[in-house]
């Protein structure tokens, strides 16, 4: 069979293309999810920093109130 493609070889090639396409799609989707998680983590970090600053202000205010009550 020189110069001809066997049906088995064609089927293997088609299956390999389908598998490669599926794997590529999965990898792209995984990367998209990872990007979303990274963005959410950045947003949560920003929110945590703001909350720490507000908490520090509240602690300072509470200490000032306690000091004022003692006087």
C-alpha atoms as a PDB file:
ATOM      1  CA  UNK A   1       0.000   0.000   0.000  1.00  0.00           C
ATOM      2  CA  UNK A   2       2.404   2.681  -0.973  1.00  0.00           C
ATOM      3  CA  UNK A   3       0.983   6.129  -1.508  1.00  0.00           C
ATOM      4  CA  UNK A   4      -2.382   5.345   0.077  1.00  0.00           C
ATOM      5  CA  UNK A   5      -3.711   6.115   3.525  1.00  0.00           C
ATOM      6  CA  UNK A   6      -5.409   3.270   5.322  1.00  0.00           C
ATOM      7  CA  UNK A   7      -8.735   3.912   7.031  1.00  0.00           C
ATOM      8  CA  UNK A   8      -7.131   2.999  10.361  1.00  0.00           C
ATOM      9  CA  UNK A   9      -4.467   5.655   9.921  1.00  0.00           C
ATOM     10  CA  UNK A  10      -7.102   8.247   9.027  1.00  0.00           C
ATOM     11  CA  UNK A  11      -9.188   7.305  12.070  1.00  0.00           C
ATOM     12  CA  UNK A  12      -6.175   7.583  14.365  1.00  0.00           C
ATOM     13  CA  UNK A  13      -5.387  10.997  12.902  1.00  0.00           C
ATOM     14  CA  UNK A  14      -8.974  12.182  13.398  1.00  0.00           C
ATOM     15  CA  UNK A  15      -9.032  10.882  16.972  1.00  0.00           C
ATOM     16  CA  UNK A  16      -5.710  12.608  17.699  1.00  0.00           C
ATOM     17  CA  UNK A  17      -7.077  15.894  16.332  1.00  0.00           C
ATOM     18  CA  UNK A  18     -10.199  15.591  18.458  1.00  0.00           C
ATOM     19  CA  UNK A  19      -8.162  14.835  21.581  1.00  0.00           C
ATOM     20  CA  UNK A  20      -5.753  17.707  20.863  1.00  0.00           C
ATOM     21  CA  UNK A  21      -8.679  20.069  20.376  1.00  0.00           C
ATOM     22  CA  UNK A  22     -10.318  18.941  23.621  1.00  0.00           C
ATOM     23  CA  UNK A  23      -7.078  19.285  25.579  1.00  0.00           C
ATOM     24  CA  UNK A  24      -6.481  22.742  24.120  1.00  0.00           C
ATOM     25  CA  UNK A  25      -9.975  23.848  25.088  1.00  0.00           C
ATOM     26  CA  UNK A  26      -9.545  22.521  28.618  1.00  0.00           C
ATOM     27  CA  UNK A  27      -6.204  24.296  29.036  1.00  0.00           C
ATOM     28  CA  UNK A  28      -7.656  27.592  27.792  1.00  0.00           C
ATOM     29  CA  UNK A  29     -10.636  27.282  30.153  1.00  0.00           C
ATOM     30  CA  UNK A  30      -8.344  26.445  33.061  1.00  0.00           C
ATOM     31  CA  UNK A  31      -6.239  29.533  32.351  1.00  0.00           C
ATOM     32  CA  UNK A  32      -9.368  31.687  32.195  1.00  0.00           C
ATOM     33  CA  UNK A  33     -10.466  30.341  35.592  1.00  0.00           C
ATOM     34  CA  UNK A  34      -7.009  30.947  37.048  1.00  0.00           C
ATOM     35  CA  UNK A  35      -7.107  34.533  35.776  1.00  0.00           C
ATOM     36  CA  UNK A  36     -10.507  35.024  37.410  1.00  0.00           C
ATOM     37  CA  UNK A  37      -9.251  33.621  40.713  1.00  0.00           C
ATOM     38  CA  UNK A  38      -6.180  35.868  40.598  1.00  0.00           C
ATOM     39  CA  UNK A  39      -8.390  38.918  39.999  1.00  0.00           C
ATOM     40  CA  UNK A  40     -10.690  37.951  42.878  1.00  0.00           C
ATOM     41  CA  UNK A  41      -7.653  37.464  45.142  1.00  0.00           C
ATOM     42  CA  UNK A  42      -6.383  40.939  44.251  1.00  0.00           C
ATOM     43  CA  UNK A  43      -9.790  42.422  45.036  1.00  0.00           C
ATOM     44  CA  UNK A  44      -9.944  40.560  48.354  1.00  0.00           C
ATOM     45  CA  UNK A  45      -6.437  41.704  49.263  1.00  0.00           C
ATOM     46  CA  UNK A  46      -7.423  45.306  48.584  1.00  0.00           C
ATOM     47  CA  UNK A  47     -10.552  44.901  50.708  1.00  0.00           C
ATOM     48  CA  UNK A  48      -8.511  43.342  53.525  1.00  0.00           C
ATOM     49  CA  UNK A  49      -6.056  46.242  53.484  1.00  0.00           C
ATOM     50  CA  UNK A  50      -8.927  48.731  53.692  1.00  0.00           C
ATOM     51  CA  UNK A  51     -10.497  46.780  56.547  1.00  0.00           C
ATOM     52  CA  UNK A  52      -7.190  46.718  58.430  1.00  0.00           C
ATOM     53  CA  UNK A  53      -6.928  50.490  58.078  1.00  0.00           C
ATOM     54  CA  UNK A  54     -10.507  50.992  59.297  1.00  0.00           C
ATOM     55  CA  UNK A  55      -9.904  48.611  62.191  1.00  0.00           C
ATOM     56  CA  UNK A  56      -6.789  50.542  63.197  1.00  0.00           C
ATOM     57  CA  UNK A  57      -8.800  53.767  63.152  1.00  0.00           C
ATOM     58  CA  UNK A  58     -11.509  52.162  65.282  1.00  0.00           C
ATOM     59  CA  UNK A  59      -8.959  50.914  67.793  1.00  0.00           C
ATOM     60  CA  UNK A  60      -7.430  54.391  67.980  1.00  0.00           C
ATOM     61  CA  UNK A  61     -10.884  55.937  68.454  1.00  0.00           C
ATOM     62  CA  UNK A  62     -11.754  53.431  71.159  1.00  0.00           C
ATOM     63  CA  UNK A  63      -8.526  54.179  72.989  1.00  0.00           C
ATOM     64  CA  UNK A  64      -9.205  57.904  72.712  1.00  0.00           C
ATOM     65  CA  UNK A  65     -12.729  57.429  74.111  1.00  0.00           C
ATOM     66  CA  UNK A  66     -11.392  55.357  77.012  1.00  0.00           C
ATOM     67  CA  UNK A  67      -8.785  57.975  77.746  1.00  0.00           C
ATOM     68  CA  UNK A  68     -11.416  60.746  77.620  1.00  0.00           C
ATOM     69  CA  UNK A  69     -13.701  58.814  79.990  1.00  0.00           C
ATOM     70  CA  UNK A  70     -10.922  58.508  82.549  1.00  0.00           C
ATOM     71  CA  UNK A  71     -10.311  62.269  82.646  1.00  0.00           C
END
